[in-house]
């Protein structure tokens, strides 16, 4: 899964969404839907399976949220947190998301 260390001068939402949805696996189908949203007041992107993607037990969606400040992952600071969930519940998870950083 791609990650963007802080700071990342060439980082953009468009570029990161392309990295997450691209590749041979096509985790969200050949034409995923990428929607700009806000999660707990922070910029985010919702990635949903595109039209024609079977919504079986392997279907997944992603919520990519910009953290209020860098979050350490394995000792490295990251600006984004990625949550994978099923398409039927990812919006509800995003609506209930609250940051609890020390």
C-alpha atoms as a PDB file:
ATOM      1  CA  UNK A   1       0.000   0.000   0.000  1.00  0.00           C
ATOM      2  CA  UNK A   2       1.466   3.391  -0.901  1.00  0.00           C
ATOM      3  CA  UNK A   3       2.304   5.898   1.771  1.00  0.00           C
ATOM      4  CA  UNK A   4       3.379   9.512   1.602  1.00  0.00           C
ATOM      5  CA  UNK A   5       6.067  10.583   4.083  1.00  0.00           C
ATOM      6  CA  UNK A   6       5.933  14.097   5.513  1.00  0.00           C
ATOM      7  CA  UNK A   7       6.913  16.413   3.938  1.00  0.00           C
ATOM      8  CA  UNK A   8       6.204  15.371   0.363  1.00  0.00           C
ATOM      9  CA  UNK A   9       6.575  18.407  -1.897  1.00  0.00           C
ATOM     10  CA  UNK A  10       5.169  16.761  -5.034  1.00  0.00           C
ATOM     11  CA  UNK A  11       2.246  15.146  -3.228  1.00  0.00           C
ATOM     12  CA  UNK A  12      -1.275  15.787  -4.514  1.00  0.00           C
ATOM     13  CA  UNK A  13      -4.606  14.090  -3.906  1.00  0.00           C
ATOM     14  CA  UNK A  14      -4.902  13.259  -7.603  1.00  0.00           C
ATOM     15  CA  UNK A  15      -1.501  11.605  -7.642  1.00  0.00           C
ATOM     16  CA  UNK A  16      -2.114   9.619  -4.469  1.00  0.00           C
ATOM     17  CA  UNK A  17      -5.574   8.436  -5.576  1.00  0.00           C
ATOM     18  CA  UNK A  18      -4.029   7.250  -8.854  1.00  0.00           C
ATOM     19  CA  UNK A  19      -1.407   5.266  -6.919  1.00  0.00           C
ATOM     20  CA  UNK A  20      -4.050   3.674  -4.679  1.00  0.00           C
ATOM     21  CA  UNK A  21      -6.433   2.740  -7.501  1.00  0.00           C
ATOM     22  CA  UNK A  22      -3.900   1.805 -10.184  1.00  0.00           C
ATOM     23  CA  UNK A  23      -1.895  -1.324 -10.691  1.00  0.00           C
ATOM     24  CA  UNK A  24      -2.631  -4.805 -11.897  1.00  0.00           C
ATOM     25  CA  UNK A  25      -4.808  -5.822  -8.941  1.00  0.00           C
ATOM     26  CA  UNK A  26      -7.543  -3.275  -9.647  1.00  0.00           C
ATOM     27  CA  UNK A  27      -8.794  -3.535  -6.076  1.00  0.00           C
ATOM     28  CA  UNK A  28     -11.664  -1.161  -6.870  1.00  0.00           C
ATOM     29  CA  UNK A  29     -12.346  -2.348 -10.415  1.00  0.00           C
ATOM     30  CA  UNK A  30     -11.236  -0.864 -13.732  1.00  0.00           C
ATOM     31  CA  UNK A  31     -13.059   2.469 -13.213  1.00  0.00           C
ATOM     32  CA  UNK A  32     -13.192   3.291  -9.499  1.00  0.00           C
ATOM     33  CA  UNK A  33     -15.044   6.329  -8.213  1.00  0.00           C
ATOM     34  CA  UNK A  34     -12.910   8.842  -6.283  1.00  0.00           C
ATOM     35  CA  UNK A  35     -14.827  11.440  -4.274  1.00  0.00           C
ATOM     36  CA  UNK A  36     -13.461  14.414  -2.331  1.00  0.00           C
ATOM     37  CA  UNK A  37     -14.916  14.375   1.191  1.00  0.00           C
ATOM     38  CA  UNK A  38     -14.112  15.695   4.654  1.00  0.00           C
ATOM     39  CA  UNK A  39     -13.580  13.443   7.668  1.00  0.00           C
ATOM     40  CA  UNK A  40     -13.602  15.083  11.094  1.00  0.00           C
ATOM     41  CA  UNK A  41     -12.872  18.374   9.363  1.00  0.00           C
ATOM     42  CA  UNK A  42      -9.865  17.035   7.467  1.00  0.00           C
ATOM     43  CA  UNK A  43      -9.497  16.612   3.676  1.00  0.00           C
ATOM     44  CA  UNK A  44     -10.095  13.054   2.536  1.00  0.00           C
ATOM     45  CA  UNK A  45     -10.811  10.913  -0.487  1.00  0.00           C
ATOM     46  CA  UNK A  46     -13.377   8.147  -0.676  1.00  0.00           C
ATOM     47  CA  UNK A  47     -12.625   5.419  -3.207  1.00  0.00           C
ATOM     48  CA  UNK A  48     -15.517   3.179  -4.198  1.00  0.00           C
ATOM     49  CA  UNK A  49     -15.732   0.285  -6.642  1.00  0.00           C
ATOM     50  CA  UNK A  50     -16.654   1.538 -10.090  1.00  0.00           C
ATOM     51  CA  UNK A  51     -19.575   0.513 -12.255  1.00  0.00           C
ATOM     52  CA  UNK A  52     -19.395  -3.120 -13.276  1.00  0.00           C
ATOM     53  CA  UNK A  53     -17.210  -4.147 -10.329  1.00  0.00           C
ATOM     54  CA  UNK A  54     -18.820  -7.153  -8.587  1.00  0.00           C
ATOM     55  CA  UNK A  55     -19.830  -6.282  -5.021  1.00  0.00           C
ATOM     56  CA  UNK A  56     -19.179  -9.680  -3.484  1.00  0.00           C
ATOM     57  CA  UNK A  57     -17.326 -10.557  -0.283  1.00  0.00           C
ATOM     58  CA  UNK A  58     -14.027  -9.343  -1.776  1.00  0.00           C
ATOM     59  CA  UNK A  59     -15.339  -5.881  -2.704  1.00  0.00           C
ATOM     60  CA  UNK A  60     -13.628  -3.076  -0.863  1.00  0.00           C
ATOM     61  CA  UNK A  61     -13.632   0.671  -0.578  1.00  0.00           C
ATOM     62  CA  UNK A  62     -11.033   2.995   0.916  1.00  0.00           C
ATOM     63  CA  UNK A  63     -11.094   6.177   2.921  1.00  0.00           C
ATOM     64  CA  UNK A  64      -7.850   8.160   2.758  1.00  0.00           C
ATOM     65  CA  UNK A  65      -7.689  10.921   5.362  1.00  0.00           C
ATOM     66  CA  UNK A  66      -5.091  13.645   5.851  1.00  0.00           C
ATOM     67  CA  UNK A  67      -4.038  13.584   9.499  1.00  0.00           C
ATOM     68  CA  UNK A  68      -4.014  16.827  11.523  1.00  0.00           C
ATOM     69  CA  UNK A  69      -0.287  16.253  11.941  1.00  0.00           C
ATOM     70  CA  UNK A  70       2.097  13.485  10.832  1.00  0.00           C
ATOM     71  CA  UNK A  71       1.290  10.072  12.300  1.00  0.00           C
ATOM     72  CA  UNK A  72       4.216   7.738  13.090  1.00  0.00           C
ATOM     73  CA  UNK A  73       4.051   4.375  11.321  1.00  0.00           C
ATOM     74  CA  UNK A  74       6.994   2.073  12.001  1.00  0.00           C
ATOM     75  CA  UNK A  75       8.971   5.092  13.153  1.00  0.00           C
ATOM     76  CA  UNK A  76       8.299   7.133   9.987  1.00  0.00           C
ATOM     77  CA  UNK A  77       5.926  10.127   9.927  1.00  0.00           C
ATOM     78  CA  UNK A  78       3.014   9.891   7.472  1.00  0.00           C
ATOM     79  CA  UNK A  79       0.429  12.497   6.487  1.00  0.00           C
ATOM     80  CA  UNK A  80      -2.267  10.079   5.384  1.00  0.00           C
ATOM     81  CA  UNK A  81      -4.237   7.317   7.067  1.00  0.00           C
ATOM     82  CA  UNK A  82      -5.897   4.727   4.840  1.00  0.00           C
ATOM     83  CA  UNK A  83      -8.878   2.710   6.007  1.00  0.00           C
ATOM     84  CA  UNK A  84     -10.132  -0.192   3.896  1.00  0.00           C
ATOM     85  CA  UNK A  85     -13.723  -1.253   4.490  1.00  0.00           C
ATOM     86  CA  UNK A  86     -16.653  -2.721   2.635  1.00  0.00           C
ATOM     87  CA  UNK A  87     -18.474  -0.281   0.342  1.00  0.00           C
ATOM     88  CA  UNK A  88     -21.731  -0.515   2.335  1.00  0.00           C
ATOM     89  CA  UNK A  89     -20.165   0.798   5.562  1.00  0.00           C
ATOM     90  CA  UNK A  90     -17.248   3.037   4.611  1.00  0.00           C
ATOM     91  CA  UNK A  91     -19.319   6.268   4.636  1.00  0.00           C
ATOM     92  CA  UNK A  92     -20.714   5.512   8.106  1.00  0.00           C
ATOM     93  CA  UNK A  93     -17.207   4.838   9.380  1.00  0.00           C
ATOM     94  CA  UNK A  94     -16.023   8.144   7.936  1.00  0.00           C
ATOM     95  CA  UNK A  95     -18.948   9.985   9.539  1.00  0.00           C
ATOM     96  CA  UNK A  96     -18.038   8.610  12.970  1.00  0.00           C
ATOM     97  CA  UNK A  97     -14.250   9.130  12.629  1.00  0.00           C
ATOM     98  CA  UNK A  98     -12.712  11.370  15.327  1.00  0.00           C
ATOM     99  CA  UNK A  99      -9.019  12.095  15.734  1.00  0.00           C
ATOM    100  CA  UNK A 100      -7.603  11.272  19.173  1.00  0.00           C
ATOM    101  CA  UNK A 101      -3.955  12.177  18.748  1.00  0.00           C
ATOM    102  CA  UNK A 102      -1.868  12.975  21.821  1.00  0.00           C
END
